């Protein structure tokens, strides 16, 4: 019964976020460099898993940085 509760809990958060968190945790442990897009993806997953104002602010900073970067890339 406890396992089904845990599974339903993970389902409500979203399995995708758990996989994203796990994937990037492995990359970080291997000292692989994360791109800005990686950081946005990881921080988004973290915010969905553990909502926190600091995580939200970090995500906003990364999104702003990405928007600024994309603005510099003119076709």
Foldseek 3Di string as FASTA:
>chain_A
DVVVVVVVVCVVLPVVLVVLLVVVVVCVVVVHDDDLVSVLSNLVSVCSVPPDPVSVVVNVVSVVVVVVVVVVDDD
